[in-house]
Amino acid sequence: MMVVTFFGVAGFTLFPGNRLSAEVLIGRVTHVRDGDTIEVSGRPIRLNGLTCDEKGKPLGDQATRTMQRLVISKILTCGLNGERTYDREVGRCYLPDGRDIGAVMIELKICGRCARYDPFLTYAKAQREVGPFKGTVPDYCRSR
């Protein structure tokens, strides 16, 4: 595991898209919990701005399997925003080729955009291009 901090500006780092991240974590994916939660170097990461159906539902099981194929044992770069939800840190993670795994899951029509947690509209274009998410969008994802 490697934690990188650039510029030393109040503990923040600049991350792709010029968004500030509290921390950048670079590490190997050690476990996939489900379509929107992975573990990088043993640290649980809830993918910000993404929603997937829960395991046990057909689309949720498909999301988990797809995420496993995409990321297991790969080295990812994750920008963590400093927030936590349950036991998970919150952030966005990028494949070795630079693709955002949240965008990939939306483009595959397996997961959807969680608008409330995507205030910079990072995933809006991808969601528009593939059409509405066919799974369940939780109430907490709706913009306020």
Protein backbone atom coordinates (compact mmCIF):
# COMPACT_ATOMS: atom_id res chain seq x y z
CA MET A 1 0.00 0.00 0.00
CA MET A 2 1.15 3.51 -0.72
CA VAL A 3 -0.48 6.74 0.40
CA VAL A 4 0.52 9.79 -1.62
CA THR A 5 0.05 13.41 -0.63
CA PHE A 6 0.96 16.09 -3.15
CA PHE A 7 1.69 19.75 -2.56
CA GLY A 8 1.18 19.43 1.22
CA VAL A 9 -1.76 21.84 1.07
CA ALA A 10 -3.71 21.40 4.31
CA GLY A 11 -3.56 17.63 3.93
CA PHE A 12 -5.30 17.70 0.59
CA THR A 13 -4.17 16.41 -2.78
CA LEU A 14 -5.11 17.31 -6.28
CA PHE A 15 -6.70 14.39 -8.11
CA PRO A 16 -7.90 13.80 -11.69
CA GLY A 17 -10.41 16.41 -12.77
CA ASN A 18 -8.85 18.97 -10.41
CA ARG A 19 -11.00 17.76 -7.53
CA LEU A 20 -9.50 17.77 -4.08
CA SER A 21 -9.01 14.48 -2.29
CA ALA A 22 -8.16 14.13 1.38
CA GLU A 23 -5.90 11.21 0.49
CA VAL A 24 -4.76 9.21 -2.50
CA LEU A 25 -4.46 5.49 -1.86
CA ILE A 26 -2.57 3.29 -4.30
CA GLY A 27 -2.90 -0.42 -3.65
CA ARG A 28 -3.98 -3.86 -4.74
CA VAL A 29 -7.65 -4.84 -4.65
CA THR A 30 -7.85 -7.53 -1.99
CA HIS A 31 -11.62 -8.12 -1.96
CA VAL A 32 -14.83 -7.12 -3.74
CA ARG A 33 -17.76 -6.85 -1.35
CA ASP A 34 -20.29 -5.92 -4.02
CA GLY A 35 -20.68 -3.71 -7.08
CA ASP A 36 -19.96 -0.45 -5.29
CA THR A 37 -17.67 -1.49 -2.42
CA ILE A 38 -14.16 -2.85 -2.82
CA GLU A 39 -11.18 -3.32 -0.52
CA VAL A 40 -7.87 -1.82 -1.56
CA SER A 41 -4.91 -3.05 0.50
CA GLY A 42 -7.50 -4.26 3.00
CA ARG A 43 -9.20 -0.85 3.31
CA PRO A 44 -12.92 -0.86 2.42
CA ILE A 45 -13.80 1.81 -0.16
CA ARG A 46 -17.40 2.83 -0.93
CA LEU A 47 -17.36 4.15 -4.49
CA ASN A 48 -18.70 7.69 -4.39
CA GLY A 49 -21.46 8.65 -6.82
CA LEU A 50 -22.25 5.05 -7.80
CA THR A 51 -25.18 2.83 -6.85
CA CYS A 52 -25.60 -0.86 -7.62
CA ASP A 53 -28.32 -3.29 -6.63
CA GLU A 54 -27.58 -5.34 -3.53
CA LYS A 55 -26.20 -8.85 -3.64
CA GLY A 56 -28.99 -11.39 -3.82
CA LYS A 57 -30.76 -9.46 -6.59
CA PRO A 58 -29.92 -10.50 -10.16
CA LEU A 59 -28.41 -7.15 -11.17
CA GLY A 60 -26.57 -6.90 -7.84
CA ASP A 61 -25.00 -10.33 -8.25
CA GLN A 62 -24.01 -9.41 -11.80
CA ALA A 63 -22.47 -6.15 -10.54
CA THR A 64 -20.41 -8.05 -7.94
CA ARG A 65 -19.14 -10.56 -10.51
CA THR A 66 -18.32 -7.81 -13.00
CA MET A 67 -16.47 -5.76 -10.41
CA GLN A 68 -14.47 -8.85 -9.43
CA ARG A 69 -13.46 -9.40 -13.06
CA LEU A 70 -12.53 -5.73 -13.47
CA VAL A 71 -10.44 -5.16 -10.37
CA ILE A 72 -9.47 -8.21 -8.31
CA SER A 73 -5.70 -8.29 -7.71
CA LYS A 74 -5.17 -5.10 -9.75
CA ILE A 75 -3.37 -2.04 -8.43
CA LEU A 76 -5.82 0.87 -8.28
CA THR A 77 -5.43 4.54 -7.49
CA CYS A 78 -8.21 5.83 -5.25
CA GLY A 79 -8.95 9.43 -4.32
CA LEU A 80 -10.55 9.35 -0.88
CA ASN A 81 -12.69 12.33 0.10
CA GLY A 82 -12.27 12.03 3.88
CA GLU A 83 -15.82 10.81 4.51
CA ARG A 84 -16.84 7.46 5.98
CA THR A 85 -20.00 5.40 5.73
CA TYR A 86 -20.26 2.50 8.15
CA ASP A 87 -16.81 0.85 8.11
CA ARG A 88 -15.93 2.17 4.65
CA GLU A 89 -13.96 5.14 3.41
CA VAL A 90 -15.54 7.02 0.50
CA GLY A 91 -13.81 7.76 -2.78
CA ARG A 92 -13.33 7.14 -6.47
CA CYS A 93 -10.95 4.54 -7.86
CA TYR A 94 -9.16 4.28 -11.16
CA LEU A 95 -7.92 1.25 -13.07
CA PRO A 96 -4.27 1.04 -14.11
CA ASP A 97 -5.26 2.36 -17.57
CA GLY A 98 -6.80 5.49 -15.95
CA ARG A 99 -10.48 4.58 -16.34
CA ASP A 100 -12.79 5.42 -13.44
CA ILE A 101 -14.32 2.11 -12.32
CA GLY A 102 -17.61 3.82 -11.41
CA ALA A 103 -17.95 5.14 -14.95
CA VAL A 104 -17.11 1.70 -16.34
CA MET A 105 -19.86 0.07 -14.26
CA ILE A 106 -22.38 2.67 -15.47
CA GLU A 107 -21.28 2.26 -19.09
CA LEU A 108 -21.83 -1.51 -18.74
CA LYS A 109 -25.40 -0.75 -17.56
CA ILE A 110 -24.79 -2.71 -14.36
CA CYS A 111 -24.82 0.18 -11.90
CA GLY A 112 -26.18 3.72 -11.93
CA ARG A 113 -25.31 7.24 -10.97
CA CYS A 114 -26.10 8.26 -7.40
CA ALA A 115 -26.88 11.93 -8.12
CA ARG A 116 -26.72 13.19 -4.54
CA TYR A 117 -23.14 11.98 -4.21
CA ASP A 118 -22.07 13.09 -7.69
CA PRO A 119 -22.35 16.89 -7.28
CA PHE A 120 -19.72 17.62 -9.95
CA LEU A 121 -21.79 15.55 -12.45
CA THR A 122 -18.82 13.26 -13.10
CA TYR A 123 -21.08 10.36 -14.05
CA ALA A 124 -23.95 12.35 -15.60
CA LYS A 125 -22.75 12.00 -19.20
CA ALA A 126 -22.13 8.26 -18.89
CA GLN A 127 -25.60 7.76 -17.39
CA ARG A 128 -27.25 9.88 -20.11
CA GLU A 129 -25.49 7.90 -22.84
CA VAL A 130 -26.67 4.48 -21.56
CA GLY A 131 -30.12 5.60 -20.41
CA PRO A 132 -31.76 5.26 -17.01
CA PHE A 133 -30.40 2.71 -14.55
CA LYS A 134 -32.56 -0.44 -14.65
CA GLY A 135 -31.89 -1.29 -10.99
CA THR A 136 -33.19 0.26 -7.81
CA VAL A 137 -32.07 3.82 -7.10
CA PRO A 138 -32.17 4.31 -3.31
CA ASP A 139 -33.88 7.39 -1.92
CA TYR A 140 -30.56 8.65 -0.53
CA CYS A 141 -29.25 8.96 -4.11
CA ARG A 142 -31.88 11.45 -5.16
CA SER A 143 -30.67 15.06 -5.36
CA ARG A 144 -31.87 17.36 -2.64
